[in-house]
Amino acid sequence: MAKKILIIGAGYAGVEAALKLHKKSKKDDVEITLIDKNPYHTLLTELHEVAGNRIAEDGIIVPLKDIFKYTKVNIVVDEIDEIHFQEKKAVSKHASYEYDYLVLAAGSRPAYYGINGLRENGFTLWSYNDAIRIREHIINCFQMAMQEKDATKRQALLTFAVGGGGFTGVEMIGEIGQWVKVLCKEYGVARSEVKLYLIEAMGGILQNLKKKNVAKVMKYLTKKLKVDVLLNHAITNVTKDDFEVKGETTIPSNTLIWCAGIRAARLTEHVQLEKEKSRIKVNEFTETSHENVYVVGDSSAFTSERHTLPALVETALQTGEGAAMNILLDVRGKEKEKVEPKLHGVVVSVGANFAVSDIMGFQLPILLSIIMKYFINVHYLFGIGGFELTAKYLKHELFDKKQKKMILEKHYTSKTRAFWMVPLRLLLGYVWLMEGIAKINDGWFSKHVLAGLAAPNSGASTAVAEAGKVTEKVFRIVTTTTPDWYAWIANNVVLPNWFVFQVLIVLVEIGLGLAFISGSFNFIAGAVSLGLIANFFLSTGFYEANWWYIPAAFCMMGGAGRAFGLDYYIMPYLMRQWRYFVRNKRIKLWL
């Protein structure tokens, strides 16, 4: 009888556990169920980008059905209220779910620390809905400020504060700092009227970063984004129109975004298990005192080298994977293995154009830190969704950014319809096809046509014409304009194997022609076309007849085959095949 494995929570830890269980249980008789109150997985580390209007809201959620398509993971949208450990079942208002093994990955929620009025009047940044609510509120503040006559009320509308100088708080105020430049222009508000605050109760921000990086961030916030950073200032009271710091200073503001701490989810706090603060204590196998009950991610107080691991994505992923593997080892009757998380570092972005990082002891420069942030997200998204999800993320970040764009961004992100490229695609396909057919007619499949540099005063009538066409039966790939390194390759590699390369050139030209005409694999065909043209230019030199092939090839790489071409069908099919192969290590033709 199949062992029932129940995972509660589709955050980073829950998703990782479910995927690992599917991947590693091909020969195990298990039934995997993942329960979450939402039908999507939220990229919590990117919430600030939606709240600050850098990207659209669909850029931070991934439908669970997309992640677990072609897997044996059953997705249930429900909210668990209680867990009965003795009866081995989880209960919601609508149903109960039995289990043999339980993975509790319920995540976390904001901690208010008993601050008066904070829950009722502040904004939190801990969910998809939170991010949208903040974004719309900020827009509304500028709209209302445009028509507000009362100076005090107008100032409150244009004052935006973030409580908490950790990663989330710094990233949030960074996004607002970038965005208000655009909002001021759109709504006719002077930038000097807008006040930005980052408020931290401790003596410094970003406590886990090296001092050098903290100094960089402080300088960028205060000098570039004009943020007032208030250290050693605890927020003590919050109303709809203002908030107090240190119990003595009142700051008029309609916007206080609370990013100063988290606690375990409500379900985690209610269960009868030993806790460290609000997080459940687990052993080195991520297991609790109850048999076959594992706790991972933010819900878990996992101790490594005498320190409780912080609530980071890396912690969630590694504990989720560890729990999954130990469950399978137990199902197989084998000894469990200790989970040994290895934290590699962090990257903190302050808006789209600034970031710092501490990666494995190294502090990367700003540009490399920005790239590293993209790389980390691409790596994670590729793991849960393959090329399709990665492409979606990069599209949002690089091409569909909603904030103010730099001059180059304005141009390379400009969009056009693919069908406008269809005539050019067909023309390029036709000329490549004709080039290949002409070579067949000239005997490239039967005669020795490729040749090197003609000897001076040899009297041989085998020169290449100016247009690059062979005058008499030979095609010289080494001329007086050929670079020395290319001439060496031609003389030592190509010419001794002339027949292979002649056939290869003809097949590539015909293949390019058919690919462009049919609209198949046009990105690859465009790249190959550029390579072939570069090869001809290096050998025979630049000639005017083919110069337009170059810009045409770049156009083909922009998705020309997706309009009235087979790429419209091929690319989605290949995406599905890749996802199925990654999940099941085999191919299924009809998907």
Protein backbone atom coordinates (compact mmCIF):
# COMPACT_ATOMS: atom_id res chain seq x y z
CA MET A 1 0.00 0.00 0.00
CA ALA A 2 1.33 3.38 -1.00
CA LYS A 3 2.80 5.56 1.72
CA LYS A 4 1.00 8.90 1.96
CA ILE A 5 3.32 11.89 2.12
CA LEU A 6 1.61 15.17 2.96
CA ILE A 7 3.35 18.52 2.48
CA ILE A 8 1.72 21.62 3.97
CA GLY A 9 2.86 24.84 2.34
CA ALA A 10 4.02 25.67 -1.19
CA GLY A 11 6.78 28.08 -0.31
CA TYR A 12 10.42 27.51 -1.19
CA ALA A 13 10.82 24.60 1.24
CA GLY A 14 7.53 22.88 0.39
CA VAL A 15 8.06 23.09 -3.37
CA GLU A 16 11.63 21.81 -3.05
CA ALA A 17 10.51 18.89 -0.89
CA ALA A 18 7.72 17.93 -3.31
CA LEU A 19 9.96 18.09 -6.39
CA LYS A 20 12.71 16.11 -4.70
CA LEU A 21 10.23 13.45 -3.57
CA HIS A 22 8.91 13.09 -7.10
CA LYS A 23 12.36 12.98 -8.66
CA LYS A 24 13.84 10.44 -6.25
CA SER A 25 10.83 8.15 -5.76
CA LYS A 26 10.51 6.58 -9.21
CA LYS A 27 10.62 3.07 -7.77
CA ASP A 28 8.96 3.83 -4.43
CA ASP A 29 5.27 3.28 -3.78
CA VAL A 30 4.42 6.74 -2.44
CA GLU A 31 1.54 9.17 -2.82
CA ILE A 32 2.63 12.82 -2.62
CA THR A 33 0.14 15.59 -1.79
CA LEU A 34 0.98 19.29 -1.56
CA ILE A 35 -1.52 21.59 0.17
CA ASP A 36 -1.49 25.38 0.08
CA LYS A 37 -4.13 28.06 0.47
CA ASN A 38 -3.05 29.58 -2.86
CA PRO A 39 -2.84 27.89 -6.26
CA TYR A 40 0.53 29.51 -6.86
CA HIS A 41 4.06 29.70 -5.49
CA THR A 42 5.21 33.21 -4.56
CA LEU A 43 8.77 34.45 -5.10
CA LEU A 44 8.97 36.20 -1.75
CA THR A 45 12.43 37.62 -2.42
CA GLU A 46 11.05 39.62 -5.35
CA LEU A 47 7.94 41.12 -3.70
CA HIS A 48 9.57 44.56 -3.50
CA GLU A 49 9.79 44.69 -7.30
CA VAL A 50 6.00 44.57 -7.63
CA ALA A 51 5.40 46.83 -4.62
CA GLY A 52 7.78 49.37 -6.18
CA ASN A 53 6.25 48.97 -9.65
CA ARG A 54 9.39 47.61 -11.29
CA ILE A 55 7.68 44.57 -12.78
CA ALA A 56 4.10 43.38 -13.27
CA GLU A 57 2.52 41.25 -10.55
CA ASP A 58 2.54 38.02 -12.57
CA GLY A 59 6.34 38.19 -12.45
CA ILE A 60 6.43 37.04 -8.81
CA ILE A 61 4.03 34.11 -8.87
CA VAL A 62 4.27 30.69 -10.48
CA PRO A 63 1.11 28.55 -10.79
CA LEU A 64 1.57 25.28 -8.95
CA LYS A 65 0.06 23.41 -11.88
CA ASP A 66 2.96 24.63 -14.02
CA ILE A 67 5.61 23.57 -11.50
CA PHE A 68 4.16 20.11 -10.94
CA LYS A 69 2.94 19.35 -14.44
CA TYR A 70 4.05 15.85 -15.49
CA THR A 71 4.76 14.83 -11.89
CA LYS A 72 2.94 12.57 -9.46
CA VAL A 73 2.49 15.40 -6.97
CA ASN A 74 -1.19 16.01 -6.20
CA ILE A 75 -1.99 19.70 -5.66
CA VAL A 76 -4.75 20.65 -3.21
CA VAL A 77 -5.84 24.25 -2.64
CA ASP A 78 -6.95 24.40 0.98
CA GLU A 79 -5.93 25.96 4.29
CA ILE A 80 -5.03 23.62 7.13
CA ASP A 81 -6.27 24.69 10.55
CA GLU A 82 -5.21 21.80 12.78
CA ILE A 83 -2.89 18.81 12.80
CA HIS A 84 -3.81 15.73 14.83
CA PHE A 85 -0.49 13.94 15.30
CA GLN A 86 -1.87 10.90 17.08
CA GLU A 87 -4.43 10.26 14.35
CA LYS A 88 -1.95 11.27 11.62
CA LYS A 89 -4.22 13.69 9.81
CA ALA A 90 -4.37 17.38 8.92
CA VAL A 91 -7.72 19.13 9.12
CA SER A 92 -9.19 22.16 7.33
CA LYS A 93 -12.67 23.66 7.42
CA HIS A 94 -13.60 21.56 4.41
CA ALA A 95 -11.74 18.26 4.65
CA SER A 96 -9.21 16.12 6.49
CA TYR A 97 -6.06 14.60 4.99
CA GLU A 98 -4.42 11.45 6.30
CA TYR A 99 -0.70 10.92 6.11
CA ASP A 100 2.07 8.48 6.87
CA TYR A 101 4.69 11.20 6.61
CA LEU A 102 4.13 14.90 7.17
CA VAL A 103 6.32 17.79 5.98
CA LEU A 104 5.28 21.02 7.65
CA ALA A 105 6.45 23.93 5.49
CA ALA A 106 3.86 26.51 6.47
CA GLY A 107 6.30 29.43 6.22
CA SER A 108 6.13 32.59 8.27
CA ARG A 109 4.25 35.85 8.77
CA PRO A 110 5.12 39.38 9.93
CA ALA A 111 5.94 39.96 13.59
CA TYR A 112 4.44 43.16 15.03
CA TYR A 113 6.19 43.04 18.43
CA GLY A 114 3.17 44.51 20.15
CA ILE A 115 3.60 47.96 18.58
CA ASN A 116 0.40 49.90 19.07
CA GLY A 117 -1.61 50.43 15.86
CA LEU A 118 0.95 48.77 13.57
CA ARG A 119 -1.20 45.83 12.49
CA GLU A 120 -4.21 48.08 11.76
CA ASN A 121 -2.47 51.02 10.10
CA GLY A 122 0.79 49.71 8.68
CA PHE A 123 1.49 47.80 5.48
CA THR A 124 3.32 44.48 5.41
CA LEU A 125 5.35 43.01 2.56
CA TRP A 126 4.92 39.29 2.94
CA SER A 127 2.57 38.13 0.19
CA TYR A 128 1.51 38.65 -3.40
CA ASN A 129 -1.52 40.65 -2.25
CA ASP A 130 0.65 42.78 0.06
CA ALA A 131 2.85 43.82 -2.86
CA ILE A 132 -0.10 44.86 -5.02
CA ARG A 133 -1.73 46.70 -2.12
CA ILE A 134 1.42 48.75 -1.48
CA ARG A 135 1.86 49.59 -5.16
CA GLU A 136 -1.71 50.78 -5.58
CA HIS A 137 -1.57 52.72 -2.30
CA ILE A 138 1.56 54.63 -3.35
CA ILE A 139 -0.01 55.56 -6.69
CA ASN A 140 -3.15 56.68 -4.87
CA CYS A 141 -1.08 58.85 -2.50
CA PHE A 142 0.37 60.80 -5.42
CA GLN A 143 -3.05 61.15 -7.04
CA MET A 144 -4.54 62.53 -3.82
CA ALA A 145 -1.54 64.79 -3.14
CA MET A 146 -2.05 66.43 -6.53
CA GLN A 147 -5.34 67.91 -5.34
CA GLU A 148 -4.71 68.24 -1.60
CA LYS A 149 -4.59 71.87 -0.39
CA ASP A 150 -3.83 71.25 3.27
CA ALA A 151 -0.02 71.30 3.69
CA THR A 152 0.08 68.81 6.58
CA LYS A 153 -2.12 66.27 4.82
CA ARG A 154 -0.16 66.71 1.58
CA GLN A 155 3.09 66.06 3.44
CA ALA A 156 1.65 62.90 5.02
CA LEU A 157 0.61 61.68 1.58
CA LEU A 158 4.11 62.25 0.19
CA THR A 159 6.03 60.69 3.09
CA PHE A 160 6.90 57.01 2.68
CA ALA A 161 8.58 55.06 5.45
CA VAL A 162 9.89 51.52 5.74
CA GLY A 163 10.36 49.97 9.16
CA GLY A 164 13.26 47.55 9.37
CA GLY A 165 16.81 47.76 8.03
CA GLY A 166 17.16 44.13 7.04
CA PHE A 167 17.27 42.74 3.52
CA THR A 168 13.56 43.21 2.80
CA GLY A 169 13.38 46.73 4.23
CA VAL A 170 16.43 47.98 2.33
CA GLU A 171 15.20 46.47 -0.93
CA MET A 172 11.75 47.97 -0.44
CA ILE A 173 12.93 51.53 0.23
CA GLY A 174 15.33 51.16 -2.69
CA GLU A 175 12.47 50.38 -5.07
CA ILE A 176 10.43 53.32 -3.78
CA GLY A 177 13.45 55.61 -4.11
CA GLN A 178 13.73 54.72 -7.79
CA TRP A 179 10.00 54.86 -8.46
CA VAL A 180 9.24 58.25 -6.91
CA LYS A 181 11.37 59.95 -9.56
CA VAL A 182 8.87 58.80 -12.17
CA LEU A 183 5.83 59.46 -10.00
CA CYS A 184 6.92 63.04 -9.30
CA LYS A 185 7.17 63.70 -13.01
CA GLU A 186 3.84 62.03 -13.79
CA TYR A 187 1.89 63.86 -11.09
CA GLY A 188 3.65 67.22 -11.15
CA VAL A 189 5.15 66.89 -7.67
CA ALA A 190 8.55 68.35 -6.80
CA ARG A 191 11.00 65.67 -5.65
CA SER A 192 11.88 67.91 -2.69
CA GLU A 193 8.32 67.44 -1.38
CA VAL A 194 8.71 63.68 -1.13
CA LYS A 195 10.25 62.31 2.06
CA LEU A 196 11.61 58.78 2.33
CA TYR A 197 12.56 57.10 5.61
CA LEU A 198 14.26 53.83 6.47
CA ILE A 199 13.83 53.26 10.21
CA GLU A 200 15.88 50.73 12.16
CA ALA A 201 15.71 50.10 15.92
CA MET A 202 19.28 48.75 16.02
CA GLY A 203 22.50 50.68 15.47
CA GLY A 204 22.96 49.63 11.84
CA ILE A 205 21.26 48.18 8.76
CA LEU A 206 21.98 44.87 7.03
CA GLN A 207 23.52 43.28 10.12
CA ASN A 208 24.63 40.15 8.22
CA LEU A 209 26.70 42.02 5.63
CA LYS A 210 30.31 43.17 5.80
CA LYS A 211 30.84 46.78 6.90
CA LYS A 212 32.21 47.75 3.48
CA ASN A 213 28.96 46.71 1.78
CA VAL A 214 26.84 48.36 4.46
CA ALA A 215 28.71 51.62 3.88
CA LYS A 216 28.08 51.36 0.14
CA VAL A 217 24.36 50.85 0.67
CA MET A 218 24.14 53.71 3.16
CA LYS A 219 25.85 56.07 0.73
CA TYR A 220 23.58 55.03 -2.13
CA LEU A 221 20.42 55.39 -0.05
CA THR A 222 21.27 58.77 1.45
CA LYS A 223 23.11 60.45 -1.43
CA LYS A 224 21.54 58.95 -4.55
CA LEU A 225 18.00 58.15 -3.44
CA LYS A 226 17.75 60.86 -0.76
CA VAL A 227 16.51 58.50 1.95
CA ASP A 228 16.68 59.53 5.62
CA VAL A 229 18.06 56.52 7.46
CA LEU A 230 17.11 56.66 11.15
CA LEU A 231 19.18 54.27 13.27
CA ASN A 232 18.44 53.47 16.92
CA HIS A 233 14.88 54.66 16.29
CA ALA A 234 12.25 52.16 17.37
CA ILE A 235 8.71 52.73 16.10
CA THR A 236 6.40 52.92 19.10
CA ASN A 237 2.97 53.90 17.79
CA VAL A 238 1.26 53.96 14.39
CA THR A 239 -1.93 55.73 13.31
CA LYS A 240 -3.49 56.23 9.91
CA ASP A 241 -1.93 59.68 9.57
CA ASP A 242 1.42 59.40 11.37
CA PHE A 243 3.76 57.26 13.45
CA GLU A 244 5.99 57.80 16.47
CA VAL A 245 9.64 56.87 16.87
CA LYS A 246 11.38 56.51 20.23
CA GLY A 247 8.11 57.59 21.84
CA GLU A 248 8.97 61.24 21.28
CA THR A 249 9.07 62.15 17.58
CA THR A 250 5.94 62.07 15.41
CA ILE A 251 6.34 61.78 11.64
CA PRO A 252 3.26 62.60 9.50
CA SER A 253 2.81 59.77 7.01
CA ASN A 254 0.04 57.70 5.47
CA THR A 255 2.52 55.00 4.47
CA LEU A 256 4.53 52.86 6.86
CA ILE A 257 5.68 49.57 5.34
CA TRP A 258 6.69 47.09 8.05
CA CYS A 259 9.62 44.83 7.16
CA ALA A 260 11.21 44.49 10.57
CA GLY A 261 10.69 40.88 11.49
CA ILE A 262 8.88 37.60 11.00
CA ARG A 263 7.47 34.82 13.10
CA ALA A 264 6.32 31.34 12.20
CA ALA A 265 2.94 30.88 10.53
CA ARG A 266 -0.18 30.68 12.67
CA LEU A 267 -0.56 26.94 12.07
CA THR A 268 2.99 26.35 13.32
CA GLU A 269 2.35 28.28 16.53
CA HIS A 270 -0.79 26.27 17.28
CA VAL A 271 0.73 22.79 17.05
CA GLN A 272 1.90 21.15 20.26
CA LEU A 273 5.60 20.85 19.58
CA GLU A 274 8.70 22.20 21.28
CA LYS A 275 9.58 25.64 19.95
CA GLU A 276 12.35 28.17 19.86
CA LYS A 277 10.46 31.44 19.96
CA SER A 278 7.76 30.68 17.37
CA ARG A 279 9.73 28.18 15.24
CA ILE A 280 9.54 24.43 15.81
CA LYS A 281 12.67 22.69 17.05
CA VAL A 282 13.90 19.84 14.85
CA ASN A 283 16.79 17.40 15.02
CA GLU A 284 19.62 16.94 12.54
CA PHE A 285 17.24 15.08 10.20
CA THR A 286 14.70 17.98 10.26
CA GLU A 287 12.45 15.64 12.27
CA THR A 288 10.30 16.56 15.30
CA SER A 289 9.53 14.57 18.42
CA HIS A 290 6.48 13.13 16.65
CA GLU A 291 7.17 10.10 14.48
CA ASN A 292 7.45 10.86 10.74
CA VAL A 293 6.75 14.55 11.20
CA TYR A 294 9.29 16.90 9.59
CA VAL A 295 9.43 20.69 9.73
CA VAL A 296 11.33 22.76 7.16
CA GLY A 297 11.91 26.32 6.01
CA ASP A 298 10.87 29.31 8.10
CA SER A 299 8.74 27.09 10.35
CA SER A 300 11.81 25.18 11.45
CA ALA A 301 14.39 26.07 14.10
CA PHE A 302 17.19 24.00 12.58
CA THR A 303 20.46 24.15 14.48
CA SER A 304 23.77 23.90 12.65
CA GLU A 305 27.09 24.36 14.43
CA ARG A 306 25.20 25.50 17.55
CA HIS A 307 23.44 28.29 15.66
CA THR A 308 19.82 28.35 14.54
CA LEU A 309 19.83 28.92 10.79
CA PRO A 310 18.30 32.23 9.64
CA ALA A 311 15.07 32.33 7.66
CA LEU A 312 16.67 32.46 4.20
CA VAL A 313 15.75 30.87 0.88
CA GLU A 314 18.88 28.70 0.96
CA THR A 315 17.89 27.40 4.38
CA ALA A 316 14.41 26.58 3.11
CA LEU A 317 15.66 24.78 0.00
CA GLN A 318 18.23 22.68 1.82
CA THR A 319 16.00 21.67 4.71
CA GLY A 320 13.19 20.86 2.26
CA GLU A 321 15.49 18.64 0.25
CA GLY A 322 16.87 17.01 3.37
CA ALA A 323 13.42 16.13 4.72
CA ALA A 324 12.41 14.63 1.37
CA MET A 325 15.48 12.43 1.19
CA ASN A 326 15.10 11.23 4.78
CA ILE A 327 11.47 10.31 4.19
CA LEU A 328 12.46 8.19 1.19
CA LEU A 329 15.30 6.57 3.13
CA ASP A 330 12.82 5.67 5.87
CA VAL A 331 10.32 4.29 3.31
CA ARG A 332 13.13 2.06 1.99
CA GLY A 333 14.06 0.92 5.48
CA LYS A 334 17.44 2.67 5.39
CA GLU A 335 19.18 4.85 7.93
CA LYS A 336 18.43 8.57 7.72
CA GLU A 337 21.18 11.06 6.86
CA LYS A 338 22.03 14.26 8.68
CA VAL A 339 21.07 17.46 6.90
CA GLU A 340 24.09 19.75 6.62
CA PRO A 341 23.04 23.07 5.09
CA LYS A 342 25.75 25.13 3.42
CA LEU A 343 24.88 28.81 3.10
CA HIS A 344 26.73 30.46 0.23
CA GLY A 345 25.85 34.09 0.85
CA VAL A 346 23.38 36.83 0.03
CA VAL A 347 22.71 39.53 -2.54
CA VAL A 348 20.82 42.71 -1.66
CA SER A 349 19.44 44.86 -4.47
CA VAL A 350 18.63 48.52 -3.84
CA GLY A 351 16.48 49.30 -6.85
CA ALA A 352 17.24 47.98 -10.32
CA ASN A 353 20.65 49.64 -10.73
CA PHE A 354 22.46 48.94 -7.47
CA ALA A 355 23.27 45.82 -5.48
CA VAL A 356 25.82 44.46 -3.03
CA SER A 357 26.71 40.88 -2.23
CA ASP A 358 28.58 38.65 0.19
CA ILE A 359 29.11 35.39 -1.71
CA MET A 360 31.32 32.74 -0.10
CA GLY A 361 33.44 35.41 1.55
CA PHE A 362 33.71 37.63 -1.53
CA GLN A 363 32.18 41.08 -1.92
CA LEU A 364 31.41 41.49 -5.62
CA PRO A 365 31.35 44.86 -7.41
CA ILE A 366 27.97 46.51 -8.00
CA LEU A 367 27.49 45.29 -11.59
CA LEU A 368 28.52 41.72 -10.76
CA SER A 369 26.20 41.78 -7.74
CA ILE A 370 23.28 42.78 -9.97
CA ILE A 371 24.15 39.98 -12.40
CA MET A 372 24.53 37.55 -9.50
CA LYS A 373 21.01 38.39 -8.28
CA TYR A 374 19.67 37.53 -11.74
CA PHE A 375 21.77 34.37 -11.86
CA ILE A 376 20.50 33.15 -8.49
CA ASN A 377 16.88 33.65 -9.52
CA VAL A 378 17.45 32.06 -12.94
CA HIS A 379 19.08 29.04 -11.29
CA TYR A 380 16.16 28.59 -8.92
CA LEU A 381 13.45 29.15 -11.51
CA PHE A 382 15.10 26.84 -14.00
CA GLY A 383 15.07 24.13 -11.35
CA ILE A 384 11.33 24.41 -10.71
CA GLY A 385 10.10 25.39 -14.18
CA GLY A 386 12.76 24.96 -16.85
CA PHE A 387 13.40 27.30 -19.78
CA GLU A 388 9.84 28.59 -19.92
CA LEU A 389 9.83 30.01 -16.41
CA THR A 390 13.36 31.34 -16.77
CA ALA A 391 12.44 33.13 -20.00
CA LYS A 392 9.39 34.65 -18.32
CA TYR A 393 11.51 35.98 -15.45
CA LEU A 394 14.14 37.50 -17.76
CA LYS A 395 11.43 39.02 -19.93
CA HIS A 396 9.98 40.82 -16.91
CA GLU A 397 13.37 41.93 -15.60
CA LEU A 398 15.10 42.94 -18.83
CA PHE A 399 12.39 43.87 -21.33
CA ASP A 400 9.14 44.65 -19.49
CA LYS A 401 10.51 46.76 -16.65
CA LYS A 402 7.90 49.35 -15.70
CA GLN A 403 10.09 51.91 -13.97
CA LYS A 404 12.08 54.61 -15.73
CA LYS A 405 14.42 53.08 -18.28
CA MET A 406 17.86 54.19 -19.34
CA ILE A 407 18.31 55.38 -22.92
CA LEU A 408 19.56 52.02 -24.24
CA GLU A 409 16.77 50.15 -22.43
CA LYS A 410 14.16 52.33 -24.11
CA HIS A 411 15.36 51.15 -27.49
CA TYR A 412 16.19 47.48 -26.98
CA THR A 413 12.92 46.88 -25.09
CA SER A 414 10.74 48.43 -27.81
CA LYS A 415 8.38 45.78 -29.18
CA THR A 416 7.11 44.98 -32.65
CA ARG A 417 4.83 42.31 -34.10
CA ALA A 418 6.57 39.23 -35.45
CA PHE A 419 4.40 39.15 -38.59
CA TRP A 420 6.16 42.27 -39.93
CA MET A 421 9.30 40.11 -40.31
CA VAL A 422 7.60 37.37 -42.33
CA PRO A 423 8.45 38.84 -45.81
CA LEU A 424 12.09 39.29 -44.80
CA ARG A 425 12.17 35.77 -43.38
CA LEU A 426 10.83 34.28 -46.59
CA LEU A 427 13.29 36.29 -48.71
CA LEU A 428 16.27 35.25 -46.58
CA GLY A 429 15.12 31.65 -46.72
CA TYR A 430 14.75 31.81 -50.50
CA VAL A 431 18.26 33.20 -51.13
CA TRP A 432 19.90 30.66 -48.84
CA LEU A 433 18.01 27.83 -50.51
CA MET A 434 19.02 29.08 -53.96
CA GLU A 435 22.66 29.38 -52.83
CA GLY A 436 22.65 25.72 -51.81
CA ILE A 437 20.91 24.54 -54.98
CA ALA A 438 23.33 26.54 -57.13
CA LYS A 439 26.29 24.86 -55.43
CA ILE A 440 24.80 21.44 -56.11
CA ASN A 441 24.46 22.39 -59.79
CA ASP A 442 28.08 23.56 -59.77
CA GLY A 443 29.20 20.10 -58.68
CA TRP A 444 29.89 20.60 -54.96
CA PHE A 445 28.71 17.03 -54.28
CA SER A 446 31.02 15.49 -56.89
CA LYS A 447 33.99 17.75 -57.72
CA HIS A 448 36.86 19.33 -55.82
CA VAL A 449 35.67 22.94 -55.69
CA LEU A 450 37.25 24.45 -52.54
CA ALA A 451 40.73 25.80 -53.12
CA GLY A 452 43.45 27.88 -51.48
CA LEU A 453 45.30 30.96 -52.64
CA ALA A 454 46.33 30.89 -56.32
CA ALA A 455 50.09 30.95 -56.95
CA PRO A 456 51.30 34.29 -58.41
CA ASN A 457 51.91 34.27 -62.20
CA SER A 458 50.71 30.66 -62.38
CA GLY A 459 48.56 31.36 -65.34
CA ALA A 460 45.78 29.37 -63.80
CA SER A 461 42.34 30.75 -64.65
CA THR A 462 40.72 29.99 -61.29
CA ALA A 463 40.44 33.40 -59.59
CA VAL A 464 37.41 34.49 -57.57
CA ALA A 465 35.31 37.30 -59.01
CA GLU A 466 34.59 40.49 -57.06
CA ALA A 467 31.06 39.42 -56.19
CA GLY A 468 32.37 36.32 -54.51
CA LYS A 469 31.22 33.92 -57.25
CA VAL A 470 33.52 31.29 -58.70
CA THR A 471 34.60 32.08 -62.24
CA GLU A 472 35.85 28.62 -63.12
CA LYS A 473 34.93 25.60 -61.04
CA VAL A 474 36.81 26.55 -57.87
CA PHE A 475 35.82 28.50 -54.78
CA ARG A 476 38.85 30.02 -53.13
CA ILE A 477 38.59 30.11 -49.30
CA VAL A 478 41.99 31.77 -48.95
CA THR A 479 42.59 35.14 -50.62
CA THR A 480 44.91 38.08 -50.10
CA THR A 481 42.42 39.53 -47.57
CA THR A 482 42.14 36.36 -45.45
CA PRO A 483 43.56 36.69 -41.89
CA ASP A 484 46.61 34.50 -41.22
CA TRP A 485 44.90 32.47 -38.48
CA TYR A 486 41.97 31.69 -40.73
CA ALA A 487 44.27 30.81 -43.64
CA TRP A 488 46.06 28.31 -41.38
CA ILE A 489 42.74 26.62 -40.49
CA ALA A 490 41.71 26.56 -44.15
CA ASN A 491 45.00 25.08 -45.37
CA ASN A 492 45.46 22.54 -42.56
CA VAL A 493 41.89 21.50 -41.70
CA VAL A 494 39.40 22.42 -44.41
CA LEU A 495 41.28 21.77 -47.66
CA PRO A 496 42.62 18.31 -46.69
CA ASN A 497 38.98 17.37 -46.00
CA TRP A 498 37.47 19.35 -48.87
CA PHE A 499 34.64 16.94 -49.72
CA VAL A 500 33.29 16.87 -46.14
CA PHE A 501 33.27 20.66 -45.94
CA GLN A 502 31.74 21.12 -49.38
CA VAL A 503 28.84 18.83 -48.49
CA LEU A 504 28.51 20.49 -45.08
CA ILE A 505 28.31 24.01 -46.55
CA VAL A 506 25.66 22.97 -49.07
CA LEU A 507 23.55 21.17 -46.45
CA VAL A 508 23.77 24.13 -44.06
CA GLU A 509 22.68 26.59 -46.76
CA ILE A 510 19.75 24.41 -47.81
CA GLY A 511 18.89 23.81 -44.14
CA LEU A 512 18.88 27.55 -43.46
CA GLY A 513 16.64 28.13 -46.45
CA LEU A 514 14.11 25.53 -45.31
CA ALA A 515 14.26 26.73 -41.70
CA PHE A 516 13.52 30.35 -42.60
CA ILE A 517 10.82 29.53 -45.14
CA SER A 518 9.03 27.20 -42.73
CA GLY A 519 9.69 29.40 -39.70
CA SER A 520 11.40 26.58 -37.78
CA PHE A 521 14.07 27.12 -35.10
CA ASN A 522 14.62 30.65 -36.35
CA PHE A 523 16.73 31.82 -33.41
CA ILE A 524 19.24 29.02 -34.05
CA ALA A 525 19.00 29.50 -37.82
CA GLY A 526 19.69 33.22 -37.42
CA ALA A 527 22.80 32.51 -35.34
CA VAL A 528 24.04 29.92 -37.86
CA SER A 529 23.37 32.37 -40.69
CA LEU A 530 25.56 34.98 -38.96
CA GLY A 531 28.29 32.39 -38.49
CA LEU A 532 28.22 31.33 -42.12
CA ILE A 533 28.35 34.90 -43.38
CA ALA A 534 31.26 35.63 -41.03
CA ASN A 535 33.02 32.56 -42.42
CA PHE A 536 32.56 33.75 -46.01
CA PHE A 537 33.74 37.25 -45.17
CA LEU A 538 36.89 35.90 -43.51
CA SER A 539 37.70 33.72 -46.49
CA THR A 540 36.69 35.65 -49.61
CA GLY A 541 36.37 39.10 -48.07
CA PHE A 542 33.43 41.49 -47.82
CA TYR A 543 31.29 41.77 -50.91
CA GLU A 544 28.21 43.90 -51.36
CA ALA A 545 25.80 41.23 -52.58
CA ASN A 546 25.40 39.63 -49.16
CA TRP A 547 25.74 42.49 -46.66
CA TRP A 548 22.01 42.53 -45.89
CA TYR A 549 22.18 38.93 -44.63
CA ILE A 550 23.63 40.25 -41.35
CA PRO A 551 20.79 42.54 -40.17
CA ALA A 552 18.30 40.03 -41.56
CA ALA A 553 19.80 37.26 -39.42
CA PHE A 554 19.51 39.42 -36.29
CA CYS A 555 15.85 40.03 -37.11
CA MET A 556 15.29 36.29 -37.40
CA MET A 557 16.63 35.82 -33.87
CA GLY A 558 13.88 38.10 -32.57
CA GLY A 559 11.11 35.53 -32.96
CA ALA A 560 10.40 35.77 -36.69
CA GLY A 561 9.27 32.14 -36.84
CA ARG A 562 6.46 32.64 -34.33
CA ALA A 563 4.21 34.38 -36.86
CA PHE A 564 3.01 32.22 -39.76
CA GLY A 565 5.80 29.79 -38.98
CA LEU A 566 6.26 26.46 -37.26
CA ASP A 567 8.02 28.01 -34.26
CA TYR A 568 4.56 29.05 -33.09
CA TYR A 569 3.97 25.33 -32.42
CA ILE A 570 7.51 23.97 -32.01
CA MET A 571 8.73 26.21 -29.18
CA PRO A 572 5.83 25.51 -26.75
CA TYR A 573 6.06 21.81 -27.61
CA LEU A 574 9.78 21.72 -26.83
CA MET A 575 9.15 23.56 -23.55
CA ARG A 576 6.64 20.88 -22.56
CA GLN A 577 9.02 18.12 -23.61
CA TRP A 578 11.87 19.61 -21.61
CA ARG A 579 9.75 19.91 -18.49
CA TYR A 580 8.49 16.33 -18.87
CA PHE A 581 12.02 15.03 -19.44
CA VAL A 582 13.42 16.87 -16.40
CA ARG A 583 10.62 15.54 -14.21
CA ASN A 584 10.59 11.96 -15.53
CA LYS A 585 13.93 11.39 -17.34
CA ARG A 586 12.19 10.20 -20.48
CA ILE A 587 10.43 11.63 -23.52
CA LYS A 588 6.73 11.41 -24.27
CA LEU A 589 6.00 12.32 -27.88
CA TRP A 590 2.41 13.44 -27.48
CA LEU A 591 2.14 16.20 -24.93
